[in-house]
Amino acid sequence: MHLKIRVCQCLKAELSSDVDAAYVRLVEALNKGDFDEVAAMSAASFGSAAESIEYHRVMVQERNHAWMGGLRTELDKGDAVIVVGAAHLPRPYGLVTLLRHAGYDVRLTMLPTN
């Protein structure tokens, strides 16, 4: 019940914003490799800093670490593509950092803004 309320609050914040402008801002940040901006956008979508921290600990940080074994297995096979939400990319526990620290060459791909 507690998590459901948090998710609803996050959705309410996102739905009340200008989705098209937020999308363009997110894509521009990703295209520049500005993961600090991606993290800031993600954190701003929560009702409070405490909610943001708890959500990212459980839903992003812990999941990223749990995924690493499987990601390495698939990446080592070759011809793999990883598709995740933008919140999984930034921060020291983000997949970009985790994969680079594991020895992978992570390169940015430019996304269209429309």
N, C-alpha and C. Protein backbone atom coordinates (compact mmCIF):
# COMPACT_ATOMS: atom_id res chain seq x y z
N MET A 1 0.82 -1.19 0.00
CA MET A 1 0.00 0.00 0.00
C MET A 1 0.86 1.26 0.00
N HIS A 2 1.92 1.25 0.81
CA HIS A 2 2.79 2.42 0.89
C HIS A 2 3.46 2.69 -0.45
N LEU A 3 3.97 1.65 -1.11
CA LEU A 3 4.62 1.81 -2.41
C LEU A 3 3.61 2.28 -3.45
N LYS A 4 2.39 1.75 -3.40
CA LYS A 4 1.35 2.14 -4.35
C LYS A 4 1.09 3.64 -4.26
N ILE A 5 1.04 4.17 -3.07
CA ILE A 5 0.82 5.61 -2.89
C ILE A 5 1.96 6.40 -3.48
N ARG A 6 3.19 5.95 -3.26
CA ARG A 6 4.35 6.64 -3.82
C ARG A 6 4.30 6.65 -5.34
N VAL A 7 3.98 5.50 -5.92
CA VAL A 7 3.92 5.41 -7.38
C VAL A 7 2.84 6.35 -7.91
N CYS A 8 1.69 6.38 -7.26
CA CYS A 8 0.60 7.26 -7.69
C CYS A 8 1.01 8.72 -7.61
N GLN A 9 1.73 9.10 -6.56
CA GLN A 9 2.19 10.47 -6.43
C GLN A 9 3.15 10.82 -7.55
N CYS A 10 4.03 9.87 -7.91
CA CYS A 10 4.97 10.10 -9.00
C CYS A 10 4.25 10.26 -10.32
N LEU A 11 3.28 9.41 -10.56
CA LEU A 11 2.51 9.50 -11.80
C LEU A 11 1.74 10.81 -11.87
N LYS A 12 1.17 11.22 -10.76
CA LYS A 12 0.43 12.48 -10.73
C LYS A 12 1.35 13.64 -11.09
N ALA A 13 2.56 13.64 -10.55
CA ALA A 13 3.51 14.71 -10.85
C ALA A 13 3.88 14.69 -12.33
N GLU A 14 4.10 13.52 -12.88
CA GLU A 14 4.46 13.42 -14.28
C GLU A 14 3.32 13.80 -15.21
N LEU A 15 2.13 13.38 -14.88
CA LEU A 15 0.98 13.65 -15.74
C LEU A 15 0.57 15.12 -15.70
N SER A 16 0.93 15.83 -14.63
CA SER A 16 0.56 17.23 -14.54
C SER A 16 1.58 18.13 -15.24
N SER A 17 2.68 17.56 -15.72
CA SER A 17 3.70 18.37 -16.38
C SER A 17 3.51 18.34 -17.90
N ASP A 18 4.26 19.16 -18.58
CA ASP A 18 4.25 19.19 -20.04
C ASP A 18 5.10 18.02 -20.53
N VAL A 19 4.45 16.93 -20.88
CA VAL A 19 5.14 15.69 -21.23
C VAL A 19 6.04 15.87 -22.45
N ASP A 20 5.57 16.58 -23.45
CA ASP A 20 6.38 16.77 -24.66
C ASP A 20 7.66 17.54 -24.34
N ALA A 21 7.56 18.60 -23.55
CA ALA A 21 8.74 19.38 -23.19
C ALA A 21 9.69 18.55 -22.33
N ALA A 22 9.15 17.76 -21.42
CA ALA A 22 9.98 16.90 -20.57
C ALA A 22 10.71 15.86 -21.41
N TYR A 23 10.02 15.31 -22.41
CA TYR A 23 10.64 14.31 -23.29
C TYR A 23 11.81 14.93 -24.05
N VAL A 24 11.59 16.10 -24.62
CA VAL A 24 12.66 16.76 -25.38
C VAL A 24 13.83 17.06 -24.46
N ARG A 25 13.55 17.56 -23.27
CA ARG A 25 14.62 17.86 -22.30
C ARG A 25 15.40 16.60 -21.94
N LEU A 26 14.70 15.50 -21.73
CA LEU A 26 15.35 14.24 -21.39
C LEU A 26 16.22 13.74 -22.54
N VAL A 27 15.69 13.76 -23.75
CA VAL A 27 16.46 13.29 -24.91
C VAL A 27 17.69 14.17 -25.12
N GLU A 28 17.54 15.48 -24.98
CA GLU A 28 18.69 16.37 -25.14
C GLU A 28 19.77 16.07 -24.09
N ALA A 29 19.34 15.82 -22.86
CA ALA A 29 20.30 15.48 -21.81
C ALA A 29 21.01 14.17 -22.12
N LEU A 30 20.25 13.17 -22.55
CA LEU A 30 20.85 11.88 -22.91
C LEU A 30 21.82 12.02 -24.07
N ASN A 31 21.44 12.79 -25.08
CA ASN A 31 22.30 12.98 -26.25
C ASN A 31 23.60 13.69 -25.91
N LYS A 32 23.57 14.55 -24.89
CA LYS A 32 24.78 15.25 -24.45
C LYS A 32 25.58 14.41 -23.45
N GLY A 33 25.00 13.29 -23.02
CA GLY A 33 25.67 12.50 -21.98
C GLY A 33 25.59 13.18 -20.63
N ASP A 34 24.60 14.05 -20.47
CA ASP A 34 24.42 14.80 -19.21
C ASP A 34 23.57 13.98 -18.25
N PHE A 35 24.19 12.97 -17.66
CA PHE A 35 23.45 12.08 -16.77
C PHE A 35 23.07 12.75 -15.46
N ASP A 36 23.77 13.84 -15.10
CA ASP A 36 23.35 14.60 -13.92
C ASP A 36 21.97 15.22 -14.16
N GLU A 37 21.73 15.70 -15.36
CA GLU A 37 20.42 16.27 -15.70
C GLU A 37 19.35 15.19 -15.70
N VAL A 38 19.67 14.01 -16.22
CA VAL A 38 18.72 12.89 -16.21
C VAL A 38 18.37 12.54 -14.77
N ALA A 39 19.37 12.48 -13.90
CA ALA A 39 19.13 12.18 -12.49
C ALA A 39 18.29 13.26 -11.83
N ALA A 40 18.56 14.51 -12.15
CA ALA A 40 17.79 15.61 -11.57
C ALA A 40 16.33 15.55 -12.02
N MET A 41 16.10 15.24 -13.28
CA MET A 41 14.73 15.13 -13.78
C MET A 41 13.99 14.00 -13.08
N SER A 42 14.69 12.89 -12.89
CA SER A 42 14.07 11.75 -12.21
C SER A 42 13.73 12.11 -10.77
N ALA A 43 14.67 12.72 -10.06
CA ALA A 43 14.45 13.09 -8.66
C ALA A 43 13.32 14.10 -8.52
N ALA A 44 13.21 15.02 -9.48
CA ALA A 44 12.18 16.07 -9.41
C ALA A 44 10.77 15.53 -9.61
N SER A 45 10.65 14.31 -10.10
CA SER A 45 9.32 13.77 -10.36
C SER A 45 8.66 13.21 -9.10
N PHE A 46 9.35 13.27 -7.97
CA PHE A 46 8.82 12.75 -6.71
C PHE A 46 8.30 13.88 -5.84
N GLY A 47 7.43 13.51 -4.90
CA GLY A 47 6.86 14.49 -3.98
C GLY A 47 7.86 15.04 -2.99
N SER A 48 8.90 14.27 -2.66
CA SER A 48 9.90 14.73 -1.70
C SER A 48 11.23 14.06 -2.00
N ALA A 49 12.29 14.64 -1.43
CA ALA A 49 13.62 14.07 -1.60
C ALA A 49 13.69 12.67 -0.99
N ALA A 50 13.03 12.48 0.16
CA ALA A 50 13.05 11.17 0.82
C ALA A 50 12.41 10.10 -0.06
N GLU A 51 11.30 10.44 -0.73
CA GLU A 51 10.65 9.48 -1.64
C GLU A 51 11.57 9.14 -2.81
N SER A 52 12.22 10.14 -3.34
CA SER A 52 13.13 9.93 -4.46
C SER A 52 14.28 9.01 -4.06
N ILE A 53 14.87 9.27 -2.91
CA ILE A 53 15.99 8.45 -2.44
C ILE A 53 15.57 7.00 -2.23
N GLU A 54 14.44 6.79 -1.58
CA GLU A 54 13.97 5.42 -1.32
C GLU A 54 13.64 4.69 -2.62
N TYR A 55 12.94 5.37 -3.52
CA TYR A 55 12.59 4.76 -4.80
C TYR A 55 13.85 4.35 -5.55
N HIS A 56 14.81 5.25 -5.66
CA HIS A 56 16.02 4.94 -6.41
C HIS A 56 16.86 3.86 -5.75
N ARG A 57 16.82 3.78 -4.44
CA ARG A 57 17.55 2.71 -3.75
C ARG A 57 16.97 1.35 -4.12
N VAL A 58 15.63 1.25 -4.04
CA VAL A 58 14.97 -0.05 -4.26
C VAL A 58 14.80 -0.36 -5.74
N MET A 59 14.26 0.57 -6.49
CA MET A 59 13.85 0.31 -7.87
C MET A 59 14.96 0.52 -8.90
N VAL A 60 16.01 1.24 -8.55
CA VAL A 60 17.07 1.49 -9.52
C VAL A 60 18.39 0.87 -9.04
N GLN A 61 18.91 1.35 -7.91
CA GLN A 61 20.21 0.89 -7.46
C GLN A 61 20.25 -0.62 -7.23
N GLU A 62 19.32 -1.15 -6.45
CA GLU A 62 19.32 -2.59 -6.17
C GLU A 62 19.07 -3.41 -7.44
N ARG A 63 18.19 -2.93 -8.29
CA ARG A 63 17.91 -3.65 -9.53
C ARG A 63 19.12 -3.63 -10.46
N ASN A 64 19.78 -2.49 -10.58
CA ASN A 64 20.97 -2.41 -11.44
C ASN A 64 22.01 -3.43 -11.01
N HIS A 65 22.28 -3.50 -9.72
CA HIS A 65 23.28 -4.47 -9.23
C HIS A 65 22.80 -5.90 -9.48
N ALA A 66 21.52 -6.15 -9.29
CA ALA A 66 20.99 -7.51 -9.52
C ALA A 66 21.07 -7.90 -10.99
N TRP A 67 20.94 -6.94 -11.88
CA TRP A 67 20.96 -7.22 -13.31
C TRP A 67 22.36 -7.50 -13.86
N MET A 68 23.40 -7.04 -13.19
CA MET A 68 24.74 -7.09 -13.76
C MET A 68 25.18 -8.49 -14.19
N GLY A 69 24.90 -9.51 -13.42
CA GLY A 69 25.29 -10.86 -13.81
C GLY A 69 24.68 -11.27 -15.13
N GLY A 70 23.38 -11.07 -15.27
CA GLY A 70 22.69 -11.42 -16.51
C GLY A 70 23.11 -10.55 -17.67
N LEU A 71 23.34 -9.27 -17.41
CA LEU A 71 23.77 -8.37 -18.49
C LEU A 71 25.15 -8.78 -19.01
N ARG A 72 26.04 -9.10 -18.10
CA ARG A 72 27.38 -9.52 -18.53
C ARG A 72 27.31 -10.80 -19.35
N THR A 73 26.47 -11.73 -18.94
CA THR A 73 26.32 -12.99 -19.69
C THR A 73 25.86 -12.70 -21.11
N GLU A 74 24.83 -11.88 -21.24
CA GLU A 74 24.29 -11.58 -22.57
C GLU A 74 25.26 -10.73 -23.40
N LEU A 75 25.88 -9.74 -22.79
CA LEU A 75 26.83 -8.90 -23.52
C LEU A 75 28.03 -9.70 -24.01
N ASP A 76 28.48 -10.63 -23.19
CA ASP A 76 29.64 -11.44 -23.57
C ASP A 76 29.33 -12.38 -24.73
N LYS A 77 28.06 -12.69 -24.96
CA LYS A 77 27.68 -13.51 -26.11
C LYS A 77 27.82 -12.72 -27.41
N GLY A 78 27.72 -11.40 -27.31
CA GLY A 78 27.81 -10.52 -28.47
C GLY A 78 26.46 -10.19 -29.05
N ASP A 79 26.43 -9.14 -29.86
CA ASP A 79 25.21 -8.68 -30.54
C ASP A 79 24.05 -8.44 -29.58
N ALA A 80 24.32 -7.91 -28.41
CA ALA A 80 23.27 -7.66 -27.42
C ALA A 80 22.94 -6.17 -27.38
N VAL A 81 21.70 -5.89 -27.10
CA VAL A 81 21.22 -4.53 -26.90
C VAL A 81 20.53 -4.50 -25.55
N ILE A 82 20.82 -3.49 -24.76
CA ILE A 82 20.18 -3.33 -23.46
C ILE A 82 19.25 -2.13 -23.54
N VAL A 83 18.00 -2.33 -23.18
CA VAL A 83 17.02 -1.24 -23.19
C VAL A 83 16.46 -1.12 -21.79
N VAL A 84 16.71 0.04 -21.17
CA VAL A 84 16.21 0.30 -19.82
C VAL A 84 15.70 1.74 -19.77
N GLY A 85 14.98 2.04 -18.71
CA GLY A 85 14.54 3.41 -18.50
C GLY A 85 15.72 4.32 -18.20
N ALA A 86 15.56 5.60 -18.49
CA ALA A 86 16.64 6.57 -18.32
C ALA A 86 17.15 6.65 -16.89
N ALA A 87 16.31 6.39 -15.91
CA ALA A 87 16.73 6.47 -14.51
C ALA A 87 17.78 5.42 -14.16
N HIS A 88 17.92 4.38 -14.98
CA HIS A 88 18.90 3.33 -14.71
C HIS A 88 20.30 3.68 -15.22
N LEU A 89 20.44 4.81 -15.89
CA LEU A 89 21.73 5.15 -16.48
C LEU A 89 22.63 6.01 -15.61
N PRO A 90 22.14 7.08 -14.96
CA PRO A 90 23.05 7.97 -14.24
C PRO A 90 23.41 7.48 -12.85
N ARG A 91 24.25 8.27 -12.21
CA ARG A 91 24.70 8.08 -10.83
C ARG A 91 25.80 7.02 -10.76
N PRO A 92 26.50 6.98 -9.65
CA PRO A 92 27.58 5.98 -9.50
C PRO A 92 27.08 4.54 -9.55
N TYR A 93 25.80 4.31 -9.26
CA TYR A 93 25.24 2.96 -9.33
C TYR A 93 24.45 2.76 -10.61
N GLY A 94 24.57 3.68 -11.55
CA GLY A 94 23.88 3.55 -12.83
C GLY A 94 24.56 2.53 -13.72
N LEU A 95 23.82 2.03 -14.68
CA LEU A 95 24.36 0.99 -15.55
C LEU A 95 25.54 1.45 -16.38
N VAL A 96 25.58 2.73 -16.76
CA VAL A 96 26.73 3.23 -17.53
C VAL A 96 27.99 3.05 -16.70
N THR A 97 27.98 3.49 -15.46
CA THR A 97 29.15 3.38 -14.59
C THR A 97 29.46 1.92 -14.26
N LEU A 98 28.43 1.15 -13.90
CA LEU A 98 28.66 -0.25 -13.54
C LEU A 98 29.26 -1.04 -14.70
N LEU A 99 28.74 -0.82 -15.90
CA LEU A 99 29.27 -1.55 -17.06
C LEU A 99 30.69 -1.09 -17.41
N ARG A 100 30.94 0.21 -17.32
CA ARG A 100 32.30 0.70 -17.60
C ARG A 100 33.28 0.13 -16.59
N HIS A 101 32.90 0.10 -15.32
CA HIS A 101 33.79 -0.45 -14.28
C HIS A 101 34.02 -1.95 -14.49
N ALA A 102 33.07 -2.61 -15.13
CA ALA A 102 33.22 -4.04 -15.42
C ALA A 102 34.03 -4.27 -16.69
N GLY A 103 34.51 -3.20 -17.33
CA GLY A 103 35.39 -3.33 -18.49
C GLY A 103 34.71 -3.19 -19.84
N TYR A 104 33.44 -2.82 -19.87
CA TYR A 104 32.73 -2.68 -21.13
C TYR A 104 32.90 -1.27 -21.69
N ASP A 105 32.93 -1.17 -23.01
CA ASP A 105 33.02 0.11 -23.70
C ASP A 105 31.59 0.58 -23.94
N VAL A 106 31.14 1.54 -23.15
CA VAL A 106 29.78 2.05 -23.25
C VAL A 106 29.81 3.33 -24.08
N ARG A 107 29.05 3.33 -25.15
CA ARG A 107 28.99 4.49 -26.04
C ARG A 107 27.57 5.02 -26.11
N LEU A 108 27.46 6.32 -26.21
CA LEU A 108 26.14 6.95 -26.30
C LEU A 108 25.62 6.85 -27.72
N THR A 109 24.30 6.70 -27.82
CA THR A 109 23.62 6.69 -29.11
C THR A 109 22.71 7.91 -29.14
N MET A 110 22.78 8.67 -30.20
CA MET A 110 21.94 9.86 -30.32
C MET A 110 20.50 9.44 -30.60
N LEU A 111 19.58 10.11 -29.92
CA LEU A 111 18.16 9.83 -30.07
C LEU A 111 17.48 10.99 -30.76
N PRO A 112 16.46 10.72 -31.57
CA PRO A 112 15.71 11.83 -32.17
C PRO A 112 14.84 12.50 -31.10
N THR A 113 14.66 13.80 -31.20
CA THR A 113 13.83 14.50 -30.22
C THR A 113 12.37 14.58 -30.61
N ASN A 114 12.01 14.02 -31.74
CA ASN A 114 10.60 14.06 -32.15
C ASN A 114 10.03 12.67 -32.34
